[in-house]
Amino acid sequence: MGSHFVWLNRGKESVELDVKSPLGAEVLRRLIDRADVVMNNLSPAAAERLGIDAETLRARRPELIVCAINGYGSSGPYAGRRSYDMLVQGEAGVIAITGDGDHRAKAGIPVGDIAGGATAANAVLAALVGRGVTGQGASLEISLLTALTEWMGYPLTAADATGRQQERCGLSHPAVCPYDAYPTSDGPDVLISVQNDTEWVRLATDVLGRPDLAHHPDYATNVARCANRAEVDAAVAAATSKLTSEETARRLDGAGVANGRVNDLADVLNHPQLEDRWREYETPVGPVRGLRPPGIDPSWEGPPGAVPALGEHTAKVLAELGFTDAEVAELSAK
């Protein structure tokens, strides 16, 4: 069983349908008739052919919220183009500013797909609130390109204002310094992020042992530190490289300077801050661990939802929709 399937389908019911067959189309119609929200990630043309586009569905039920997720939208020169996460990252400019120097990279997780899903979730919730006020549903369309381009707001705004594209800077930051990974004496790098000039004073004085740098005109302001980034990074690295990672973290925490570690995935799986977040989920291939959804109130957290097998709940859901045993058998046979 694929990790993507486990990640995305906890707590869901799985129904298998041939929606192009008359009986399958009837099942789909009955499901939609009792739904608050209908979502699809088909191409606009495919949704229209199946009769599950917003115009068709809301002509029958104006209160329905219909949300379509696609790559580039249903209009414009890219309408109907096939899309995958890497392609959308490229089109949205993510790849242009990710990596280090001349080495391009995409994000290590599918940020285009996740942006589309998160944006759709927020839009659906807003539409549900709106329906509570007006009684009317909504026809929503979320393209991965528009969602991910919205997430690119800062570098796009800066490029529009200055005419300059943000450089690829690895773990560094184009407008903040110090902001990078710095070596320690026992190997693991420490991440340091200084967000204001007061933090810089504490870092220079209490961690680096260099009070002479705290108010030096070449380093006293973030603008000056960015202009002299190489010297700042060298001063920070010279201090941290003499300390163990644990000692570095203690000093930074004591000085109130934000810091972190570059964890590998084994570290994350055993992260002390996540210890109480893990739950065990049943799957068709045995139990797996997964994180609780964030934002759940412990007073109403339900039991961990199982990951379904494909089509596991077909008969159950068809019975709920009023189909007879004979009709369920006919569907299964076909």
Protein backbone atom coordinates (compact mmCIF):
# COMPACT_ATOMS: atom_id res chain seq x y z
CA MET A 1 0.00 0.00 0.00
CA GLY A 2 1.48 3.32 -1.07
CA SER A 3 2.48 5.96 1.47
CA HIS A 4 0.54 8.61 -0.47
CA PHE A 5 -2.64 6.52 -0.18
CA VAL A 6 -2.13 6.06 3.58
CA TRP A 7 -1.39 9.78 4.06
CA LEU A 8 -4.44 11.03 2.17
CA ASN A 9 -7.19 8.54 2.98
CA ARG A 10 -7.27 8.04 6.75
CA GLY A 11 -10.84 8.01 8.04
CA LYS A 12 -12.45 7.98 4.59
CA GLU A 13 -14.93 5.56 3.07
CA SER A 14 -14.04 4.12 -0.33
CA VAL A 15 -16.68 3.38 -2.97
CA GLU A 16 -15.82 1.96 -6.38
CA LEU A 17 -18.11 2.98 -9.25
CA ASP A 18 -18.17 2.88 -13.00
CA VAL A 19 -19.80 6.28 -13.25
CA LYS A 20 -20.20 5.92 -17.03
CA SER A 21 -22.63 3.00 -16.61
CA PRO A 22 -26.34 3.80 -16.06
CA LEU A 23 -26.46 2.21 -12.60
CA GLY A 24 -23.14 3.76 -11.55
CA ALA A 25 -24.38 7.17 -12.66
CA GLU A 26 -27.51 6.65 -10.56
CA VAL A 27 -25.40 5.85 -7.50
CA LEU A 28 -23.40 9.01 -8.06
CA ARG A 29 -26.61 11.05 -8.44
CA ARG A 30 -27.96 9.74 -5.13
CA LEU A 31 -24.68 10.46 -3.38
CA ILE A 32 -24.71 14.02 -4.70
CA ASP A 33 -28.36 14.51 -3.74
CA ARG A 34 -27.53 14.04 -0.06
CA ALA A 35 -24.23 15.97 -0.11
CA ASP A 36 -23.40 19.42 1.19
CA VAL A 37 -20.23 19.65 -0.90
CA VAL A 38 -19.16 17.95 -4.11
CA MET A 39 -15.49 18.06 -5.05
CA ASN A 40 -13.69 16.73 -8.09
CA ASN A 41 -10.22 16.95 -9.59
CA LEU A 42 -11.20 16.07 -13.14
CA SER A 43 -10.52 18.22 -16.13
CA PRO A 44 -13.34 20.75 -16.72
CA ALA A 45 -14.36 18.92 -19.92
CA ALA A 46 -14.50 15.52 -18.17
CA ALA A 47 -16.62 16.92 -15.32
CA GLU A 48 -19.06 18.39 -17.85
CA ARG A 49 -19.29 15.10 -19.76
CA LEU A 50 -20.20 13.28 -16.53
CA GLY A 51 -22.71 15.95 -15.54
CA ILE A 52 -20.94 16.81 -12.30
CA ASP A 53 -19.84 20.31 -13.26
CA ALA A 54 -21.08 23.14 -11.06
CA GLU A 55 -23.55 24.53 -13.60
CA THR A 56 -25.33 21.19 -14.04
CA LEU A 57 -25.39 20.24 -10.36
CA ARG A 58 -26.48 23.62 -9.02
CA ALA A 59 -29.24 23.94 -11.60
CA ARG A 60 -30.91 21.11 -9.67
CA ARG A 61 -29.72 22.12 -6.19
CA PRO A 62 -28.77 25.82 -5.87
CA GLU A 63 -27.71 25.27 -2.24
CA LEU A 64 -24.98 22.82 -3.25
CA ILE A 65 -21.33 23.81 -2.95
CA VAL A 66 -19.34 22.46 -5.89
CA CYS A 67 -15.55 22.74 -5.85
CA ALA A 68 -13.38 21.75 -8.80
CA ILE A 69 -9.62 21.46 -8.46
CA ASN A 70 -7.56 21.45 -11.64
CA GLY A 71 -4.17 22.49 -12.90
CA TYR A 72 -4.69 25.80 -14.65
CA GLY A 73 -8.40 26.64 -14.60
CA SER A 74 -11.24 26.28 -17.11
CA SER A 75 -10.43 29.40 -19.10
CA GLY A 76 -7.34 31.07 -20.48
CA PRO A 77 -4.59 29.73 -22.75
CA TYR A 78 -3.60 26.94 -20.32
CA ALA A 79 -7.13 25.61 -19.80
CA GLY A 80 -7.25 21.84 -20.18
CA ARG A 81 -3.48 21.34 -20.05
CA ARG A 82 -2.29 18.33 -18.07
CA SER A 83 -0.63 19.29 -14.83
CA TYR A 84 1.47 17.66 -12.14
CA ASP A 85 3.05 19.13 -9.05
CA MET A 86 6.54 19.67 -10.48
CA LEU A 87 5.12 21.37 -13.58
CA VAL A 88 3.06 23.76 -11.47
CA GLN A 89 6.07 24.51 -9.25
CA GLY A 90 7.92 25.47 -12.42
CA GLU A 91 5.09 27.60 -13.83
CA ALA A 92 4.55 29.40 -10.50
CA GLY A 93 8.22 30.35 -10.12
CA VAL A 94 8.95 28.13 -7.12
CA ILE A 95 11.77 26.32 -8.92
CA ALA A 96 13.23 29.64 -10.06
CA ILE A 97 13.97 30.67 -6.47
CA THR A 98 14.56 27.25 -4.84
CA GLY A 99 17.98 25.65 -4.60
CA ASP A 100 21.42 27.18 -4.27
CA GLY A 101 23.18 29.37 -6.82
CA ASP A 102 22.89 27.75 -10.23
CA HIS A 103 21.49 24.52 -8.83
CA ARG A 104 17.72 24.45 -9.23
CA ALA A 105 15.43 22.38 -7.04
CA LYS A 106 11.76 21.81 -6.48
CA ALA A 107 10.35 21.65 -2.98
CA GLY A 108 10.81 18.25 -1.37
CA ILE A 109 7.07 17.85 -0.79
CA PRO A 110 4.31 18.45 -3.37
CA VAL A 111 3.63 22.07 -2.45
CA GLY A 112 1.51 22.67 -5.57
CA ASP A 113 -0.85 19.84 -4.73
CA ILE A 114 -0.98 20.81 -1.06
CA ALA A 115 -1.58 24.47 -1.91
CA GLY A 116 -4.50 23.45 -4.10
CA GLY A 117 -6.01 21.26 -1.39
CA ALA A 118 -5.53 23.76 1.43
CA THR A 119 -6.95 26.60 -0.68
CA ALA A 120 -9.94 24.46 -1.65
CA ALA A 121 -10.59 23.56 2.00
CA ASN A 122 -10.59 27.23 3.01
CA ALA A 123 -12.82 28.20 0.09
CA VAL A 124 -15.32 25.43 0.91
CA LEU A 125 -15.45 26.48 4.57
CA ALA A 126 -16.05 30.09 3.56
CA ALA A 127 -18.82 28.96 1.18
CA LEU A 128 -20.46 26.93 3.97
CA VAL A 129 -20.48 30.00 6.21
CA GLY A 130 -21.89 32.04 3.34
CA ARG A 131 -24.63 29.49 2.72
CA GLY A 132 -25.59 29.72 6.39
CA VAL A 133 -26.27 33.43 5.81
CA THR A 134 -27.77 33.45 2.30
CA GLY A 135 -29.01 29.90 1.80
CA GLN A 136 -27.16 29.79 -1.52
CA GLY A 137 -24.34 27.44 -2.40
CA ALA A 138 -21.27 28.28 -4.49
CA SER A 139 -19.44 27.24 -7.62
CA LEU A 140 -15.73 27.16 -6.72
CA GLU A 141 -12.78 26.53 -8.98
CA ILE A 142 -9.28 26.18 -7.54
CA SER A 143 -6.35 25.83 -9.91
CA LEU A 144 -3.03 24.60 -8.59
CA LEU A 145 -1.33 27.45 -10.43
CA THR A 146 -3.39 30.21 -8.80
CA ALA A 147 -3.11 28.58 -5.36
CA LEU A 148 0.67 28.17 -5.52
CA THR A 149 1.17 31.61 -7.09
CA GLU A 150 -0.69 33.07 -4.09
CA TRP A 151 1.84 31.31 -1.84
CA MET A 152 4.56 33.06 -3.87
CA GLY A 153 3.24 36.44 -2.71
CA TYR A 154 6.41 37.76 -1.07
CA PRO A 155 8.94 37.09 -3.86
CA LEU A 156 6.41 38.11 -6.53
CA THR A 157 5.64 41.40 -4.80
CA ALA A 158 9.34 42.12 -4.35
CA ALA A 159 10.09 41.31 -8.00
CA ASP A 160 7.21 43.48 -9.19
CA ALA A 161 8.43 46.42 -7.11
CA THR A 162 12.15 46.14 -7.85
CA GLY A 163 12.41 44.39 -11.20
CA ARG A 164 14.82 41.90 -9.62
CA GLN A 165 14.21 38.20 -9.06
CA GLN A 166 15.03 36.73 -5.66
CA GLU A 167 18.27 34.77 -5.89
CA ARG A 168 18.48 31.13 -4.93
CA CYS A 169 20.16 31.16 -1.55
CA GLY A 170 19.93 27.63 -0.17
CA LEU A 171 19.16 27.75 3.54
CA SER A 172 19.92 31.46 3.73
CA HIS A 173 17.41 34.30 3.32
CA PRO A 174 17.71 37.13 0.80
CA ALA A 175 16.56 39.80 3.26
CA VAL A 176 17.58 38.52 6.72
CA CYS A 177 21.02 37.96 8.29
CA PRO A 178 22.19 35.90 10.08
CA TYR A 179 19.83 33.23 8.79
CA ASP A 180 21.47 29.94 7.85
CA ALA A 181 22.88 26.64 9.08
CA TYR A 182 26.09 26.93 11.07
CA PRO A 183 28.58 24.17 12.03
CA THR A 184 29.10 22.80 15.53
CA SER A 185 32.01 20.87 16.98
CA ASP A 186 30.23 17.50 17.05
CA GLY A 187 28.81 17.60 13.53
CA PRO A 188 25.11 18.54 13.45
CA ASP A 189 24.51 22.01 12.06
CA VAL A 190 22.45 24.49 14.02
CA LEU A 191 19.90 26.72 12.30
CA ILE A 192 19.92 30.32 13.49
CA SER A 193 17.36 32.96 12.56
CA VAL A 194 17.85 36.52 13.79
CA GLN A 195 14.74 38.52 12.95
CA ASN A 196 15.53 41.92 14.46
CA ASP A 197 18.41 44.05 15.69
CA THR A 198 17.70 43.40 19.37
CA GLU A 199 18.16 39.68 18.78
CA TRP A 200 21.42 40.43 17.01
CA VAL A 201 22.72 42.24 20.09
CA ARG A 202 21.86 39.23 22.27
CA LEU A 203 23.44 36.82 19.77
CA ALA A 204 26.66 38.81 19.45
CA THR A 205 27.00 39.44 23.19
CA ASP A 206 25.66 36.30 24.88
CA VAL A 207 26.36 33.57 22.32
CA LEU A 208 29.23 34.68 20.11
CA GLY A 209 31.09 36.43 22.91
CA ARG A 210 31.64 39.36 20.54
CA PRO A 211 30.03 42.43 22.11
CA ASP A 212 32.17 44.51 19.77
CA LEU A 213 29.92 43.40 16.91
CA ALA A 214 26.64 44.26 18.61
CA HIS A 215 26.60 47.96 17.74
CA HIS A 216 29.28 48.09 15.06
CA PRO A 217 27.95 50.15 12.13
CA ASP A 218 28.70 47.30 9.68
CA TYR A 219 26.47 44.88 11.63
CA ALA A 220 24.11 46.81 13.89
CA THR A 221 21.16 46.77 11.48
CA ASN A 222 19.72 43.98 9.37
CA VAL A 223 20.35 46.01 6.20
CA ALA A 224 24.02 46.38 7.16
CA ARG A 225 24.32 42.69 8.07
CA CYS A 226 22.84 41.65 4.71
CA ALA A 227 25.36 43.88 2.95
CA ASN A 228 28.15 42.22 4.94
CA ARG A 229 26.67 38.71 5.01
CA ALA A 230 29.97 36.86 4.47
CA GLU A 231 31.60 38.53 7.48
CA VAL A 232 28.53 37.97 9.69
CA ASP A 233 28.26 34.30 8.73
CA ALA A 234 31.98 33.82 9.35
CA ALA A 235 31.72 35.34 12.83
CA VAL A 236 28.75 33.16 13.75
CA ALA A 237 30.38 30.00 12.38
CA ALA A 238 33.64 30.73 14.20
CA ALA A 239 31.76 30.70 17.51
CA THR A 240 29.39 27.78 16.93
CA SER A 241 32.12 25.52 15.54
CA LYS A 242 33.79 25.56 18.98
CA LEU A 243 30.62 24.38 20.72
CA THR A 244 28.68 21.13 20.62
CA SER A 245 25.23 21.23 19.10
CA GLU A 246 23.60 20.84 22.52
CA GLU A 247 25.71 23.62 24.04
CA THR A 248 24.97 25.88 21.08
CA ALA A 249 21.24 25.31 21.46
CA ARG A 250 21.41 25.99 25.22
CA ARG A 251 23.22 29.27 24.68
CA LEU A 252 20.84 30.36 21.92
CA ASP A 253 17.77 29.45 23.98
CA GLY A 254 19.23 31.27 26.97
CA ALA A 255 19.77 34.38 24.87
CA GLY A 256 16.28 34.20 23.38
CA VAL A 257 17.57 33.65 19.84
CA ALA A 258 15.50 31.40 17.59
CA ASN A 259 17.29 28.22 16.57
CA GLY A 260 16.65 24.70 15.35
CA ARG A 261 18.23 21.55 13.96
CA VAL A 262 18.45 20.10 10.47
CA ASN A 263 16.64 16.87 11.29
CA ASP A 264 16.55 13.85 9.06
CA LEU A 265 13.28 11.95 8.86
CA ALA A 266 14.30 9.47 11.55
CA ASP A 267 14.77 12.43 13.90
CA VAL A 268 11.32 13.75 13.02
CA LEU A 269 9.72 10.34 13.63
CA ASN A 270 11.20 10.47 17.14
CA HIS A 271 10.86 14.22 17.75
CA PRO A 272 10.20 14.86 21.45
CA GLN A 273 7.74 17.66 20.68
CA LEU A 274 5.63 15.30 18.54
CA GLU A 275 5.66 12.41 20.98
CA ASP A 276 1.99 12.76 21.98
CA ARG A 277 0.81 13.41 18.41
CA TRP A 278 1.27 9.91 17.03
CA ARG A 279 -1.64 7.53 16.64
CA GLU A 280 -1.92 4.04 15.19
CA TYR A 281 -4.16 3.65 12.13
CA GLU A 282 -5.51 0.42 10.72
CA THR A 283 -4.89 -0.28 7.04
CA PRO A 284 -5.58 -3.30 4.83
CA VAL A 285 -1.89 -4.24 5.17
CA GLY A 286 -1.66 -3.80 8.94
CA PRO A 287 -1.37 -0.93 11.41
CA VAL A 288 0.70 2.16 10.60
CA ARG A 289 1.61 5.23 12.62
CA GLY A 290 0.31 8.64 11.66
CA LEU A 291 0.11 12.10 13.20
CA ARG A 292 -3.10 13.47 14.65
CA PRO A 293 -4.63 16.18 12.47
CA PRO A 294 -3.45 19.57 13.76
CA GLY A 295 -6.01 21.83 15.38
CA ILE A 296 -8.19 19.05 16.79
CA ASP A 297 -9.60 19.76 20.25
CA PRO A 298 -8.66 16.85 22.54
CA SER A 299 -12.14 16.96 24.08
CA TRP A 300 -13.71 15.82 20.80
CA GLU A 301 -10.93 13.93 19.07
CA GLY A 302 -12.47 10.85 17.50
CA PRO A 303 -10.81 7.46 17.20
CA PRO A 304 -8.09 7.20 14.55
CA GLY A 305 -9.83 6.60 11.24
CA ALA A 306 -8.77 3.50 9.37
CA VAL A 307 -7.30 3.64 5.87
CA PRO A 308 -9.82 1.88 3.60
CA ALA A 309 -9.16 -0.72 0.98
CA LEU A 310 -10.23 0.38 -2.47
CA GLY A 311 -13.99 -0.09 -2.69
CA GLU A 312 -14.22 -1.41 0.86
CA HIS A 313 -17.43 0.50 1.66
CA THR A 314 -19.23 0.11 -1.66
CA ALA A 315 -21.93 -2.28 -0.42
CA LYS A 316 -22.41 -0.37 2.86
CA VAL A 317 -22.87 3.00 1.15
CA LEU A 318 -25.15 1.58 -1.56
CA ALA A 319 -27.38 0.13 1.16
CA GLU A 320 -27.49 3.54 2.85
CA LEU A 321 -28.62 5.01 -0.49
CA GLY A 322 -31.53 2.57 -0.68
CA PHE A 323 -30.24 0.08 -3.23
CA THR A 324 -31.48 -3.47 -2.86
CA ASP A 325 -29.21 -6.45 -2.38
CA ALA A 326 -29.94 -7.49 -5.96
CA GLU A 327 -28.91 -4.07 -7.31
CA VAL A 328 -25.74 -4.13 -5.21
CA ALA A 329 -24.94 -7.59 -6.60
CA GLU A 330 -25.56 -6.34 -10.14
CA LEU A 331 -23.22 -3.40 -9.63
CA SER A 332 -20.54 -5.64 -8.17
CA ALA A 333 -20.84 -8.10 -11.05
CA LYS A 334 -20.39 -5.29 -13.59
